[in-house]
Protein backbone atom coordinates (compact mmCIF):
# COMPACT_ATOMS: atom_id res chain seq x y z
CA MET A 1 0.00 0.00 0.00
CA ARG A 2 2.98 2.33 0.25
CA GLY A 3 3.10 4.90 -2.49
CA LEU A 4 3.77 8.42 -3.64
CA HIS A 5 0.93 10.87 -4.29
CA LEU A 6 1.86 13.94 -6.34
CA THR A 7 -0.38 16.89 -7.17
CA ALA A 8 0.20 20.00 -9.23
CA ASP A 9 -1.99 23.07 -9.62
CA LEU A 10 -1.16 24.80 -12.89
CA ARG A 11 -1.99 28.44 -13.59
CA GLY A 12 -1.45 30.54 -16.67
CA CYS A 13 -2.18 27.70 -19.12
CA ALA A 14 -3.27 29.23 -22.42
CA ALA A 15 -6.89 28.31 -23.14
CA SER A 16 -5.96 28.11 -26.82
CA ARG A 17 -3.75 25.06 -26.22
CA PRO A 18 -5.66 21.98 -27.47
CA VAL A 19 -4.59 20.01 -24.40
CA MET A 20 -6.92 22.30 -22.43
CA THR A 21 -10.10 21.70 -24.49
CA ALA A 22 -9.72 18.71 -26.82
CA PRO A 23 -10.21 15.33 -25.11
CA ALA A 24 -8.36 13.45 -27.86
CA VAL A 25 -5.33 15.71 -27.50
CA LEU A 26 -5.32 15.42 -23.70
CA ARG A 27 -5.75 11.64 -23.97
CA THR A 28 -2.79 11.36 -26.35
CA ALA A 29 -0.63 13.52 -24.08
CA CYS A 30 -1.58 11.51 -20.98
CA LEU A 31 -1.03 8.09 -22.56
CA ALA A 32 2.30 9.18 -24.06
CA ALA A 33 3.42 10.51 -20.65
CA VAL A 34 2.33 7.26 -18.95
CA ALA A 35 4.26 5.19 -21.51
CA GLY A 36 7.29 7.47 -21.28
CA ALA A 37 7.34 7.06 -17.52
CA GLY A 38 7.25 3.27 -17.83
CA LEU A 39 3.86 2.90 -16.15
CA THR A 40 1.05 0.54 -17.22
CA PRO A 41 -2.39 1.87 -18.28
CA VAL A 42 -5.31 -0.49 -17.62
CA GLY A 43 -8.26 1.82 -18.33
CA GLU A 44 -9.18 5.41 -19.17
CA LEU A 45 -11.98 7.94 -19.47
CA PHE A 46 -11.85 11.49 -20.85
CA HIS A 47 -14.91 13.74 -20.60
CA ARG A 48 -15.34 17.23 -22.09
CA PHE A 49 -17.82 19.42 -20.25
CA VAL A 50 -20.33 21.51 -22.17
CA PRO A 51 -20.82 25.21 -21.43
CA ALA A 52 -23.45 25.90 -18.76
CA ALA A 53 -25.55 28.25 -20.91
CA ALA A 54 -26.52 28.07 -24.56
CA THR A 55 -25.13 31.57 -25.02
CA ASP A 56 -21.71 30.24 -24.01
CA ALA A 57 -21.67 27.55 -26.72
CA ALA A 58 -18.53 29.00 -28.29
CA ALA A 59 -16.72 29.32 -24.98
CA PRO A 60 -14.00 26.75 -24.33
CA SER A 61 -14.94 24.12 -21.81
CA GLY A 62 -12.77 21.91 -19.67
CA ILE A 63 -11.95 18.24 -19.56
CA THR A 64 -11.66 15.65 -16.84
CA GLY A 65 -9.42 12.76 -17.76
CA VAL A 66 -8.48 9.68 -15.79
CA VAL A 67 -6.01 6.94 -16.64
CA LEU A 68 -6.17 3.91 -14.37
CA LEU A 69 -2.72 2.45 -13.91
CA ALA A 70 -1.66 -0.98 -12.77
CA GLU A 71 0.36 1.09 -10.29
CA SER A 72 -2.68 3.31 -9.36
CA HIS A 73 -3.93 6.40 -11.27
CA LEU A 74 -3.51 9.69 -13.11
CA ALA A 75 -6.25 12.35 -13.05
CA VAL A 76 -6.28 15.64 -14.98
CA HIS A 77 -8.84 18.45 -14.80
CA THR A 78 -8.72 21.52 -17.06
CA TRP A 79 -10.44 24.89 -16.69
CA PRO A 80 -9.68 26.87 -19.88
CA GLU A 81 -11.90 29.73 -18.68
CA LEU A 82 -9.53 30.09 -15.71
CA GLU A 83 -6.39 29.15 -17.66
CA ALA A 84 -5.84 26.46 -15.04
CA ALA A 85 -5.38 22.71 -14.74
CA THR A 86 -4.84 20.26 -11.91
CA LEU A 87 -2.83 17.05 -12.05
CA ASP A 88 -3.00 14.12 -9.65
CA VAL A 89 -0.57 11.19 -9.87
CA TYR A 90 -0.57 8.34 -7.39
CA VAL A 91 1.63 5.27 -7.70
CA CYS A 92 1.86 2.32 -5.37
CA ASN A 93 5.27 1.03 -4.43
CA PHE A 94 4.13 -2.50 -3.57
CA GLY A 95 6.39 -4.49 -5.91
CA GLY A 96 9.06 -1.83 -6.29
CA ASP A 97 9.67 1.88 -5.92
CA ASN A 98 7.75 3.70 -8.67
CA SER A 99 8.47 7.17 -7.25
CA ALA A 100 10.83 8.19 -10.08
CA ARG A 101 8.19 7.12 -12.61
CA ALA A 102 5.55 9.22 -10.85
CA GLU A 103 7.88 12.24 -10.90
CA ALA A 104 8.63 11.70 -14.61
CA LEU A 105 4.92 11.41 -15.44
CA LEU A 106 4.08 14.61 -13.58
CA ALA A 107 6.98 16.55 -15.14
CA THR A 108 5.99 15.51 -18.67
CA LEU A 109 2.39 16.57 -18.14
CA ILE A 110 3.38 19.90 -16.60
CA ASP A 111 5.48 20.56 -19.72
CA ALA A 112 2.49 19.75 -21.96
CA PHE A 113 0.48 22.61 -20.44
CA HIS A 114 3.24 25.28 -20.47
CA PRO A 115 1.92 26.90 -17.27
CA ALA A 116 3.07 30.28 -16.02
CA SER A 117 3.16 28.88 -12.46
CA VAL A 118 3.02 25.52 -10.73
CA GLU A 119 2.18 24.62 -7.15
CA ARG A 120 3.32 21.06 -6.39
CA HIS A 121 2.73 18.79 -3.43
CA ALA A 122 4.02 15.32 -2.59
CA VAL A 123 2.71 12.92 0.04
CA GLU A 124 4.27 9.61 1.00
CA ARG A 125 1.28 7.39 1.61
CA GLY A 126 0.84 4.14 3.46
CA SER A 127 3.82 4.25 5.75
CA ALA A 128 3.84 1.51 8.32
CA PRO A 129 1.07 2.35 10.81
CA VAL A 130 1.73 2.63 14.48
CA ALA A 131 -0.83 0.66 16.47
CA THR A 132 -2.66 3.03 18.80
CA ALA A 133 -6.10 3.29 20.32
CA ALA A 134 -6.72 6.31 18.06
CA THR A 135 -6.20 4.36 14.82
CA VAL A 136 -9.28 4.77 12.63
CA ARG A 137 -10.41 1.99 10.32
């Protein structure tokens, strides 16, 4: 269950970049990044949202994309109207340490968006629990 969970909040991503609004482009970028990092895709779903009002039909709308990995998952959410995207990479380190692969995957995807700024976080998950009365199940 041990693993590395990486997140990145991207700002200043040009709404005109197809990776922000075209599911097929985002899918290709995600699957190429997964392959380049040496991770194993086992499923995927990419969904483009429609504008909330009919008058906004020409406005760019965002995408949510998920790639299920044998090692865990990748999730991407785009907000072209805010010029923002969020990335979420989690890899399990059950059979070996996949941390470098997670870092490579995240770096490749950040590059695909060309953000003006990036806020990154990393969490080591599933460290050996200490048995206490306060342990929640």
